[in-house]
Amino acid sequence: MLRHFYITEDLDDLATVEQELKQKGFSPFQIHVLSEKDSEVEKHQLNEVEAVLKKDVVHSTEIGAAIGVVFAALVLTVAYLLGWTSSAAGWLPFIFLSIVILGFCTWEGGLFGIQEPNYQFKQFQDKLKKGMHVFFVDVDPEQEPVLANVVGHHPKLQMAGVGEARPRWFVRSQDTFRRFMKSMP
């Protein structure tokens, strides 16, 4: 999937675009609005970006976990090469230390991420502060012409680039879960 970013000042137009895309088969989980005017977005019943995703928590946690894996492997390697694992305690303290290091680095990565805007949204910070709204859609390759057609009828939307989208399986699982919850009594 590919994420298409658009910028506009008109939330009424965005509401129309979102409805048109839904009518053309787009899932609500493919369409999002990023804005500093959350109450206005809510009034227009647009699918806003979740608060946790506005920050770089997920991305930074992944980076922290990767760093933690490296340090944990380093602890295990050093312990083995220096022969410390041959002692009566064996591998257990070093495995425990590796797990603690991995958990700590992952946690620290998340804490750093809470303080930063999402890495995909940093480029829009100036526009958001000026009161503009970022509209983005995650599309499958076969949906590209449909998106281009709908967006072509809305000249107030300015193309702002493309980026990495959520995985297709994740969007489909969210949609399946929503349908399941609606069908339950």
N, C-alpha and C. Protein backbone atom coordinates (compact mmCIF):
# COMPACT_ATOMS: atom_id res chain seq x y z
N MET A 1 0.85 -1.18 0.00
CA MET A 1 0.00 0.00 0.00
C MET A 1 0.89 1.24 0.00
N LEU A 2 0.33 2.31 -0.52
CA LEU A 2 1.03 3.58 -0.58
C LEU A 2 0.14 4.65 0.04
N ARG A 3 0.74 5.58 0.77
CA ARG A 3 -0.02 6.64 1.44
C ARG A 3 0.12 7.93 0.64
N HIS A 4 -1.03 8.51 0.25
CA HIS A 4 -1.07 9.78 -0.47
C HIS A 4 -1.47 10.88 0.50
N PHE A 5 -0.69 11.96 0.55
CA PHE A 5 -0.94 13.09 1.43
C PHE A 5 -1.49 14.27 0.63
N TYR A 6 -2.49 14.93 1.19
CA TYR A 6 -3.07 16.14 0.60
C TYR A 6 -3.22 17.18 1.70
N ILE A 7 -3.17 18.45 1.32
CA ILE A 7 -3.33 19.55 2.27
C ILE A 7 -4.48 20.43 1.81
N THR A 8 -5.27 20.88 2.78
CA THR A 8 -6.37 21.78 2.47
C THR A 8 -6.75 22.57 3.72
N GLU A 9 -7.52 23.63 3.50
CA GLU A 9 -8.07 24.40 4.62
C GLU A 9 -9.54 24.11 4.83
N ASP A 10 -10.17 23.40 3.88
CA ASP A 10 -11.62 23.23 3.84
C ASP A 10 -12.05 21.86 4.36
N LEU A 11 -12.55 21.82 5.58
CA LEU A 11 -13.01 20.55 6.16
C LEU A 11 -14.31 20.07 5.53
N ASP A 12 -15.14 21.00 5.05
CA ASP A 12 -16.37 20.60 4.36
C ASP A 12 -16.03 19.80 3.11
N ASP A 13 -15.03 20.27 2.37
CA ASP A 13 -14.59 19.57 1.17
C ASP A 13 -14.02 18.20 1.53
N LEU A 14 -13.28 18.13 2.63
CA LEU A 14 -12.72 16.85 3.07
C LEU A 14 -13.82 15.86 3.43
N ALA A 15 -14.88 16.34 4.05
CA ALA A 15 -16.00 15.46 4.39
C ALA A 15 -16.61 14.88 3.12
N THR A 16 -16.74 15.70 2.10
CA THR A 16 -17.28 15.24 0.82
C THR A 16 -16.35 14.22 0.18
N VAL A 17 -15.05 14.50 0.18
CA VAL A 17 -14.07 13.57 -0.40
C VAL A 17 -14.11 12.23 0.34
N GLU A 18 -14.16 12.29 1.66
CA GLU A 18 -14.19 11.05 2.44
C GLU A 18 -15.42 10.23 2.10
N GLN A 19 -16.58 10.86 1.99
CA GLN A 19 -17.81 10.14 1.64
C GLN A 19 -17.71 9.53 0.24
N GLU A 20 -17.16 10.28 -0.69
CA GLU A 20 -17.02 9.75 -2.06
C GLU A 20 -16.09 8.54 -2.08
N LEU A 21 -15.00 8.61 -1.33
CA LEU A 21 -14.08 7.48 -1.30
C LEU A 21 -14.73 6.25 -0.67
N LYS A 22 -15.49 6.46 0.40
CA LYS A 22 -16.19 5.33 1.03
C LYS A 22 -17.20 4.72 0.07
N GLN A 23 -17.89 5.56 -0.71
CA GLN A 23 -18.85 5.05 -1.68
C GLN A 23 -18.16 4.25 -2.78
N LYS A 24 -16.90 4.56 -3.04
CA LYS A 24 -16.14 3.86 -4.08
C LYS A 24 -15.44 2.61 -3.54
N GLY A 25 -15.68 2.26 -2.25
CA GLY A 25 -15.14 1.03 -1.71
C GLY A 25 -13.95 1.16 -0.78
N PHE A 26 -13.54 2.38 -0.48
CA PHE A 26 -12.44 2.57 0.46
C PHE A 26 -12.93 2.31 1.88
N SER A 27 -12.09 1.68 2.67
CA SER A 27 -12.40 1.42 4.07
C SER A 27 -12.16 2.69 4.88
N PRO A 28 -12.93 2.92 5.95
CA PRO A 28 -12.67 4.07 6.81
C PRO A 28 -11.25 4.05 7.41
N PHE A 29 -10.67 2.86 7.50
CA PHE A 29 -9.33 2.73 8.07
C PHE A 29 -8.23 3.11 7.08
N GLN A 30 -8.60 3.40 5.85
CA GLN A 30 -7.65 3.85 4.85
C GLN A 30 -7.60 5.37 4.78
N ILE A 31 -8.55 6.05 5.39
CA ILE A 31 -8.73 7.49 5.23
C ILE A 31 -8.55 8.17 6.59
N HIS A 32 -7.70 9.20 6.64
CA HIS A 32 -7.44 9.90 7.89
C HIS A 32 -7.25 11.39 7.66
N VAL A 33 -7.56 12.15 8.71
CA VAL A 33 -7.33 13.60 8.69
C VAL A 33 -6.45 13.94 9.89
N LEU A 34 -5.37 14.66 9.62
CA LEU A 34 -4.48 15.13 10.66
C LEU A 34 -4.65 16.63 10.77
N SER A 35 -4.96 17.10 11.97
CA SER A 35 -5.23 18.51 12.17
C SER A 35 -4.95 18.88 13.62
N GLU A 36 -4.65 20.14 13.83
CA GLU A 36 -4.53 20.64 15.20
C GLU A 36 -5.88 21.11 15.72
N LYS A 37 -6.87 21.12 14.87
CA LYS A 37 -8.24 21.52 15.25
C LYS A 37 -9.10 20.26 15.37
N ASP A 38 -8.80 19.46 16.40
CA ASP A 38 -9.49 18.18 16.57
C ASP A 38 -11.00 18.33 16.73
N SER A 39 -11.45 19.38 17.40
CA SER A 39 -12.89 19.55 17.61
C SER A 39 -13.60 19.82 16.28
N GLU A 40 -12.94 20.56 15.39
CA GLU A 40 -13.54 20.82 14.07
C GLU A 40 -13.60 19.54 13.24
N VAL A 41 -12.57 18.75 13.32
CA VAL A 41 -12.55 17.48 12.60
C VAL A 41 -13.66 16.57 13.11
N GLU A 42 -13.84 16.56 14.41
CA GLU A 42 -14.89 15.73 15.02
C GLU A 42 -16.28 16.22 14.61
N LYS A 43 -16.47 17.55 14.55
CA LYS A 43 -17.77 18.10 14.12
C LYS A 43 -18.14 17.65 12.72
N HIS A 44 -17.13 17.53 11.86
CA HIS A 44 -17.37 17.11 10.48
C HIS A 44 -17.41 15.59 10.34
N GLN A 45 -17.28 14.89 11.46
CA GLN A 45 -17.32 13.43 11.50
C GLN A 45 -16.29 12.80 10.56
N LEU A 46 -15.11 13.38 10.55
CA LEU A 46 -14.02 12.84 9.75
C LEU A 46 -13.21 11.86 10.58
N ASN A 47 -12.55 10.94 9.91
CA ASN A 47 -11.74 9.93 10.58
C ASN A 47 -10.39 10.54 10.94
N GLU A 48 -10.27 11.01 12.19
CA GLU A 48 -9.05 11.68 12.61
C GLU A 48 -7.97 10.68 13.01
N VAL A 49 -6.74 11.15 13.00
CA VAL A 49 -5.61 10.33 13.40
C VAL A 49 -5.66 10.15 14.92
N GLU A 50 -5.48 8.93 15.39
CA GLU A 50 -5.49 8.65 16.81
C GLU A 50 -4.35 9.41 17.48
N ALA A 51 -4.57 9.85 18.71
CA ALA A 51 -3.59 10.67 19.41
C ALA A 51 -2.24 9.98 19.52
N VAL A 52 -2.24 8.69 19.78
CA VAL A 52 -0.97 7.98 19.93
C VAL A 52 -0.19 7.94 18.61
N LEU A 53 -0.89 7.96 17.49
CA LEU A 53 -0.22 7.92 16.20
C LEU A 53 0.26 9.29 15.74
N LYS A 54 -0.18 10.35 16.40
CA LYS A 54 0.33 11.69 16.09
C LYS A 54 1.76 11.85 16.60
N LYS A 55 2.09 11.06 17.58
CA LYS A 55 3.45 11.06 18.14
C LYS A 55 4.24 9.91 17.53
N ASP A 56 5.53 9.93 17.72
CA ASP A 56 6.40 8.94 17.10
C ASP A 56 6.63 7.73 18.01
N VAL A 57 5.65 7.39 18.82
CA VAL A 57 5.80 6.31 19.81
C VAL A 57 6.12 4.98 19.15
N VAL A 58 5.33 4.58 18.16
CA VAL A 58 5.50 3.26 17.56
C VAL A 58 6.86 3.15 16.87
N HIS A 59 7.19 4.12 16.05
CA HIS A 59 8.45 4.11 15.31
C HIS A 59 9.65 4.13 16.26
N SER A 60 9.62 4.99 17.25
CA SER A 60 10.73 5.09 18.20
C SER A 60 10.85 3.84 19.08
N THR A 61 9.72 3.21 19.41
CA THR A 61 9.76 1.97 20.17
C THR A 61 10.42 0.88 19.35
N GLU A 62 10.12 0.83 18.07
CA GLU A 62 10.76 -0.16 17.20
C GLU A 62 12.27 0.07 17.13
N ILE A 63 12.68 1.32 17.03
CA ILE A 63 14.11 1.64 17.00
C ILE A 63 14.76 1.25 18.33
N GLY A 64 14.10 1.58 19.44
CA GLY A 64 14.61 1.20 20.75
C GLY A 64 14.74 -0.31 20.89
N ALA A 65 13.77 -1.05 20.38
CA ALA A 65 13.82 -2.51 20.44
C ALA A 65 14.98 -3.05 19.61
N ALA A 66 15.21 -2.47 18.46
CA ALA A 66 16.34 -2.90 17.62
C ALA A 66 17.68 -2.65 18.32
N ILE A 67 17.79 -1.49 18.95
CA ILE A 67 19.01 -1.19 19.71
C ILE A 67 19.15 -2.15 20.89
N GLY A 68 18.02 -2.45 21.53
CA GLY A 68 18.03 -3.40 22.64
C GLY A 68 18.47 -4.79 22.23
N VAL A 69 18.05 -5.24 21.06
CA VAL A 69 18.47 -6.55 20.55
C VAL A 69 19.98 -6.58 20.35
N VAL A 70 20.52 -5.49 19.80
CA VAL A 70 21.98 -5.41 19.58
C VAL A 70 22.72 -5.49 20.92
N PHE A 71 22.29 -4.69 21.91
CA PHE A 71 22.97 -4.70 23.20
C PHE A 71 22.79 -6.04 23.92
N ALA A 72 21.61 -6.64 23.81
CA ALA A 72 21.38 -7.94 24.44
C ALA A 72 22.29 -9.00 23.82
N ALA A 73 22.41 -8.98 22.51
CA ALA A 73 23.30 -9.93 21.84
C ALA A 73 24.76 -9.68 22.23
N LEU A 74 25.11 -8.41 22.39
CA LEU A 74 26.46 -8.06 22.80
C LEU A 74 26.77 -8.60 24.20
N VAL A 75 25.83 -8.48 25.13
CA VAL A 75 26.01 -9.01 26.49
C VAL A 75 26.22 -10.52 26.45
N LEU A 76 25.39 -11.21 25.69
CA LEU A 76 25.51 -12.67 25.60
C LEU A 76 26.82 -13.09 24.95
N THR A 77 27.23 -12.36 23.93
CA THR A 77 28.48 -12.68 23.23
C THR A 77 29.69 -12.45 24.14
N VAL A 78 29.72 -11.32 24.82
CA VAL A 78 30.83 -11.02 25.71
C VAL A 78 30.89 -12.05 26.84
N ALA A 79 29.74 -12.39 27.41
CA ALA A 79 29.71 -13.37 28.49
C ALA A 79 30.25 -14.72 28.02
N TYR A 80 29.91 -15.10 26.80
CA TYR A 80 30.38 -16.38 26.27
C TYR A 80 31.88 -16.33 25.97
N LEU A 81 32.31 -15.26 25.30
CA LEU A 81 33.72 -15.15 24.91
C LEU A 81 34.66 -15.05 26.11
N LEU A 82 34.22 -14.44 27.18
CA LEU A 82 35.05 -14.32 28.38
C LEU A 82 34.92 -15.53 29.31
N GLY A 83 34.09 -16.48 28.93
CA GLY A 83 33.96 -17.70 29.69
C GLY A 83 33.12 -17.58 30.96
N TRP A 84 32.38 -16.50 31.08
CA TRP A 84 31.58 -16.30 32.28
C TRP A 84 30.41 -17.27 32.36
N THR A 85 30.02 -17.79 31.22
CA THR A 85 28.89 -18.72 31.21
C THR A 85 29.28 -20.11 31.71
N SER A 86 30.58 -20.35 31.88
CA SER A 86 31.07 -21.64 32.37
C SER A 86 31.02 -21.74 33.88
N SER A 87 30.67 -20.66 34.53
CA SER A 87 30.61 -20.65 36.00
C SER A 87 29.40 -21.46 36.48
N ALA A 88 29.27 -21.53 37.79
CA ALA A 88 28.15 -22.28 38.38
C ALA A 88 26.80 -21.67 38.00
N ALA A 89 26.76 -20.36 37.82
CA ALA A 89 25.50 -19.69 37.47
C ALA A 89 25.09 -19.98 36.03
N GLY A 90 26.04 -20.24 35.17
CA GLY A 90 25.75 -20.55 33.77
C GLY A 90 25.23 -19.34 33.00
N TRP A 91 24.32 -19.62 32.10
CA TRP A 91 23.77 -18.60 31.20
C TRP A 91 22.69 -17.74 31.86
N LEU A 92 22.05 -18.23 32.89
CA LEU A 92 20.85 -17.59 33.44
C LEU A 92 21.00 -16.10 33.76
N PRO A 93 22.03 -15.67 34.47
CA PRO A 93 22.11 -14.23 34.78
C PRO A 93 22.30 -13.37 33.53
N PHE A 94 22.98 -13.90 32.56
CA PHE A 94 23.25 -13.13 31.33
C PHE A 94 22.02 -13.07 30.44
N ILE A 95 21.27 -14.14 30.43
CA ILE A 95 19.99 -14.11 29.69
C ILE A 95 19.04 -13.13 30.35
N PHE A 96 18.98 -13.17 31.67
CA PHE A 96 18.13 -12.23 32.41
C PHE A 96 18.57 -10.78 32.14
N LEU A 97 19.86 -10.52 32.21
CA LEU A 97 20.38 -9.18 31.93
C LEU A 97 20.05 -8.75 30.51
N SER A 98 20.15 -9.66 29.56
CA SER A 98 19.82 -9.34 28.16
C SER A 98 18.35 -8.96 28.01
N ILE A 99 17.49 -9.69 28.71
CA ILE A 99 16.05 -9.38 28.66
C ILE A 99 15.78 -8.01 29.27
N VAL A 100 16.43 -7.71 30.38
CA VAL A 100 16.26 -6.40 31.02
C VAL A 100 16.75 -5.29 30.09
N ILE A 101 17.90 -5.49 29.46
CA ILE A 101 18.44 -4.48 28.54
C ILE A 101 17.49 -4.27 27.35
N LEU A 102 16.98 -5.36 26.80
CA LEU A 102 16.03 -5.25 25.68
C LEU A 102 14.78 -4.48 26.11
N GLY A 103 14.23 -4.82 27.26
CA GLY A 103 13.03 -4.12 27.75
C GLY A 103 13.30 -2.65 28.02
N PHE A 104 14.44 -2.35 28.62
CA PHE A 104 14.78 -0.96 28.92
C PHE A 104 14.95 -0.13 27.66
N CYS A 105 15.67 -0.65 26.68
CA CYS A 105 15.88 0.09 25.43
C CYS A 105 14.56 0.31 24.69
N THR A 106 13.70 -0.70 24.69
CA THR A 106 12.39 -0.56 24.05
C THR A 106 11.56 0.51 24.75
N TRP A 107 11.55 0.48 26.05
CA TRP A 107 10.81 1.47 26.85
C TRP A 107 11.35 2.88 26.61
N GLU A 108 12.67 3.02 26.63
CA GLU A 108 13.29 4.33 26.39
C GLU A 108 12.96 4.85 25.00
N GLY A 109 12.96 3.96 24.02
CA GLY A 109 12.60 4.37 22.66
C GLY A 109 11.19 4.95 22.63
N GLY A 110 10.26 4.29 23.33
CA GLY A 110 8.89 4.79 23.41
C GLY A 110 8.81 6.14 24.10
N LEU A 111 9.60 6.32 25.15
CA LEU A 111 9.60 7.61 25.86
C LEU A 111 10.13 8.74 24.97
N PHE A 112 11.15 8.44 24.18
CA PHE A 112 11.64 9.45 23.25
C PHE A 112 10.57 9.77 22.21
N GLY A 113 9.85 8.75 21.76
CA GLY A 113 8.83 8.93 20.73
C GLY A 113 7.65 9.77 21.19
N ILE A 114 7.33 9.72 22.48
CA ILE A 114 6.21 10.51 23.01
C ILE A 114 6.49 12.00 22.84
N GLN A 115 7.75 12.37 22.83
CA GLN A 115 8.13 13.78 22.77
C GLN A 115 8.22 14.32 21.35
N GLU A 116 8.16 13.47 20.36
CA GLU A 116 8.35 13.88 18.97
C GLU A 116 7.10 13.65 18.14
N PRO A 117 6.85 14.50 17.15
CA PRO A 117 5.76 14.20 16.23
C PRO A 117 6.11 12.99 15.37
N ASN A 118 5.12 12.31 14.88
CA ASN A 118 5.32 11.15 14.03
C ASN A 118 6.27 11.52 12.89
N TYR A 119 7.21 10.65 12.61
CA TYR A 119 8.23 10.95 11.60
C TYR A 119 7.61 11.22 10.22
N GLN A 120 6.45 10.65 9.93
CA GLN A 120 5.81 10.90 8.64
C GLN A 120 5.10 12.26 8.60
N PHE A 121 4.80 12.81 9.77
CA PHE A 121 4.04 14.06 9.83
C PHE A 121 4.90 15.29 10.10
N LYS A 122 6.19 15.10 10.37
CA LYS A 122 7.07 16.24 10.67
C LYS A 122 7.08 17.27 9.56
N GLN A 123 7.02 16.80 8.33
CA GLN A 123 7.07 17.71 7.19
C GLN A 123 5.87 18.65 7.11
N PHE A 124 4.80 18.32 7.83
CA PHE A 124 3.58 19.12 7.77
C PHE A 124 3.39 20.04 8.97
N GLN A 125 4.31 20.09 9.88
CA GLN A 125 4.15 20.86 11.12
C GLN A 125 3.87 22.33 10.85
N ASP A 126 4.56 22.94 9.91
CA ASP A 126 4.33 24.36 9.60
C ASP A 126 2.93 24.59 9.06
N LYS A 127 2.48 23.71 8.19
CA LYS A 127 1.13 23.84 7.61
C LYS A 127 0.05 23.66 8.68
N LEU A 128 0.27 22.70 9.57
CA LEU A 128 -0.71 22.45 10.64
C LEU A 128 -0.81 23.65 11.57
N LYS A 129 0.32 24.28 11.87
CA LYS A 129 0.31 25.46 12.74
C LYS A 129 -0.40 26.64 12.09
N LYS A 130 -0.46 26.66 10.76
CA LYS A 130 -1.16 27.72 10.04
C LYS A 130 -2.65 27.43 9.91
N GLY A 131 -3.10 26.32 10.51
CA GLY A 131 -4.53 26.00 10.50
C GLY A 131 -4.96 25.11 9.36
N MET A 132 -4.03 24.58 8.61
CA MET A 132 -4.39 23.69 7.50
C MET A 132 -4.58 22.27 8.03
N HIS A 133 -5.11 21.41 7.19
CA HIS A 133 -5.40 20.03 7.56
C HIS A 133 -4.70 19.11 6.56
N VAL A 134 -4.18 18.01 7.06
CA VAL A 134 -3.54 17.02 6.21
C VAL A 134 -4.49 15.83 6.07
N PHE A 135 -4.82 15.53 4.84
CA PHE A 135 -5.72 14.42 4.51
C PHE A 135 -4.84 13.35 3.87
N PHE A 136 -4.90 12.13 4.40
CA PHE A 136 -4.11 11.09 3.76
C PHE A 136 -4.90 9.81 3.62
N VAL A 137 -4.58 9.10 2.54
CA VAL A 137 -5.31 7.89 2.17
C VAL A 137 -4.29 6.80 1.87
N ASP A 138 -4.48 5.63 2.47
CA ASP A 138 -3.66 4.46 2.17
C ASP A 138 -4.36 3.69 1.06
N VAL A 139 -3.66 3.51 -0.07
CA VAL A 139 -4.31 2.90 -1.23
C VAL A 139 -3.55 1.67 -1.73
N ASP A 140 -4.32 0.70 -2.21
CA ASP A 140 -3.77 -0.43 -2.93
C ASP A 140 -3.49 0.03 -4.35
N PRO A 141 -2.60 -0.64 -5.06
CA PRO A 141 -2.31 -0.21 -6.44
C PRO A 141 -3.55 -0.14 -7.34
N GLU A 142 -4.49 -1.07 -7.15
CA GLU A 142 -5.69 -1.06 -8.00
C GLU A 142 -6.65 0.08 -7.64
N GLN A 143 -6.47 0.71 -6.49
CA GLN A 143 -7.33 1.82 -6.07
C GLN A 143 -6.77 3.19 -6.51
N GLU A 144 -5.56 3.21 -7.04
CA GLU A 144 -4.93 4.47 -7.44
C GLU A 144 -5.78 5.28 -8.43
N PRO A 145 -6.31 4.66 -9.50
CA PRO A 145 -7.12 5.45 -10.43
C PRO A 145 -8.40 6.02 -9.80
N VAL A 146 -9.00 5.27 -8.89
CA VAL A 146 -10.22 5.73 -8.22
C VAL A 146 -9.89 6.96 -7.37
N LEU A 147 -8.80 6.89 -6.61
CA LEU A 147 -8.39 8.03 -5.79
C LEU A 147 -8.09 9.24 -6.66
N ALA A 148 -7.36 9.03 -7.74
CA ALA A 148 -7.02 10.15 -8.64
C ALA A 148 -8.28 10.79 -9.21
N ASN A 149 -9.28 9.97 -9.54
CA ASN A 149 -10.53 10.48 -10.09
C ASN A 149 -11.29 11.32 -9.06
N VAL A 150 -11.41 10.80 -7.84
CA VAL A 150 -12.14 11.52 -6.79
C VAL A 150 -11.43 12.82 -6.44
N VAL A 151 -10.13 12.75 -6.22
CA VAL A 151 -9.36 13.94 -5.84
C VAL A 151 -9.34 14.97 -6.97
N GLY A 152 -9.40 14.50 -8.20
CA GLY A 152 -9.41 15.41 -9.36
C GLY A 152 -10.61 16.33 -9.39
N HIS A 153 -11.70 15.93 -8.74
CA HIS A 153 -12.91 16.75 -8.70
C HIS A 153 -12.91 17.74 -7.53
N HIS A 154 -11.82 17.80 -6.79
CA HIS A 154 -11.73 18.67 -5.62
C HIS A 154 -10.44 19.50 -5.69
N PRO A 155 -10.49 20.62 -6.40
CA PRO A 155 -9.28 21.41 -6.62
C PRO A 155 -8.70 22.05 -5.35
N LYS A 156 -9.47 22.09 -4.27
CA LYS A 156 -8.93 22.67 -3.03
C LYS A 156 -7.89 21.76 -2.37
N LEU A 157 -7.88 20.48 -2.75
CA LEU A 157 -6.89 19.55 -2.21
C LEU A 157 -5.58 19.72 -2.96
N GLN A 158 -4.52 19.99 -2.24
CA GLN A 158 -3.20 20.11 -2.84
C GLN A 158 -2.40 18.86 -2.53
N MET A 159 -1.85 18.25 -3.56
CA MET A 159 -1.02 17.06 -3.36
C MET A 159 0.20 17.45 -2.52
N ALA A 160 0.49 16.65 -1.49
CA ALA A 160 1.61 16.98 -0.60
C ALA A 160 2.65 15.86 -0.54
N GLY A 161 2.47 14.83 -1.34
CA GLY A 161 3.47 13.78 -1.40
C GLY A 161 2.90 12.40 -1.13
N VAL A 162 3.79 11.44 -1.16
CA VAL A 162 3.44 10.04 -0.87
C VAL A 162 4.39 9.51 0.19
N GLY A 163 3.97 8.46 0.85
CA GLY A 163 4.80 7.88 1.90
C GLY A 163 4.43 6.44 2.17
N GLU A 164 5.00 5.94 3.23
CA GLU A 164 4.80 4.56 3.65
C GLU A 164 3.43 4.43 4.32
N ALA A 165 2.68 3.44 3.92
CA ALA A 165 1.34 3.22 4.48
C ALA A 165 1.36 2.06 5.46
N ARG A 166 0.25 1.91 6.18
CA ARG A 166 0.08 0.74 7.04
C ARG A 166 0.05 -0.49 6.14
N PRO A 167 0.47 -1.63 6.65
CA PRO A 167 0.40 -2.85 5.84
C PRO A 167 -1.05 -3.20 5.50
N ARG A 168 -1.25 -3.77 4.33
CA ARG A 168 -2.58 -4.14 3.86
C ARG A 168 -3.28 -5.07 4.86
N TRP A 169 -2.54 -6.04 5.41
CA TRP A 169 -3.16 -6.98 6.34
C TRP A 169 -3.69 -6.27 7.58
N PHE A 170 -3.01 -5.19 8.00
CA PHE A 170 -3.44 -4.47 9.20
C PHE A 170 -4.75 -3.72 8.93
N VAL A 171 -4.83 -3.06 7.78
CA VAL A 171 -6.05 -2.34 7.42
C VAL A 171 -7.21 -3.31 7.26
N ARG A 172 -6.96 -4.44 6.59
CA ARG A 172 -8.02 -5.44 6.39
C ARG A 172 -8.48 -6.03 7.73
N SER A 173 -7.54 -6.26 8.65
CA SER A 173 -7.95 -6.82 9.95
C SER A 173 -8.77 -5.82 10.75
N GLN A 174 -8.45 -4.54 10.66
CA GLN A 174 -9.26 -3.52 11.33
C GLN A 174 -10.67 -3.50 10.76
N ASP A 175 -10.77 -3.58 9.46
CA ASP A 175 -12.07 -3.57 8.79
C ASP A 175 -12.87 -4.82 9.17
N THR A 176 -12.23 -5.98 9.20
CA THR A 176 -12.90 -7.22 9.58
C THR A 176 -13.39 -7.15 11.02
N PHE A 177 -12.56 -6.62 11.91
CA PHE A 177 -12.94 -6.48 13.31
C PHE A 177 -14.15 -5.55 13.45
N ARG A 178 -14.16 -4.43 12.70
CA ARG A 178 -15.29 -3.49 12.76
C ARG A 178 -16.58 -4.17 12.30
N ARG A 179 -16.51 -4.94 11.19
CA ARG A 179 -17.71 -5.65 10.70
C ARG A 179 -18.17 -6.69 11.72
N PHE A 180 -17.23 -7.39 12.35
CA PHE A 180 -17.57 -8.38 13.37
C PHE A 180 -18.29 -7.72 14.55
N MET A 181 -17.76 -6.58 15.01
CA MET A 181 -18.36 -5.90 16.15
C MET A 181 -19.76 -5.36 15.81
N LYS A 182 -19.98 -4.93 14.57
CA LYS A 182 -21.30 -4.47 14.18
C LYS A 182 -22.31 -5.62 14.11
N SER A 183 -21.83 -6.81 13.76
CA SER A 183 -22.75 -7.94 13.62
C SER A 183 -23.07 -8.60 14.95
N MET A 184 -22.31 -8.32 15.97
CA MET A 184 -22.57 -8.90 17.29
C MET A 184 -23.72 -8.16 17.96
N PRO A 185 -24.54 -8.90 18.74
CA PRO A 185 -25.69 -8.24 19.39
C PRO A 185 -25.30 -7.31 20.50
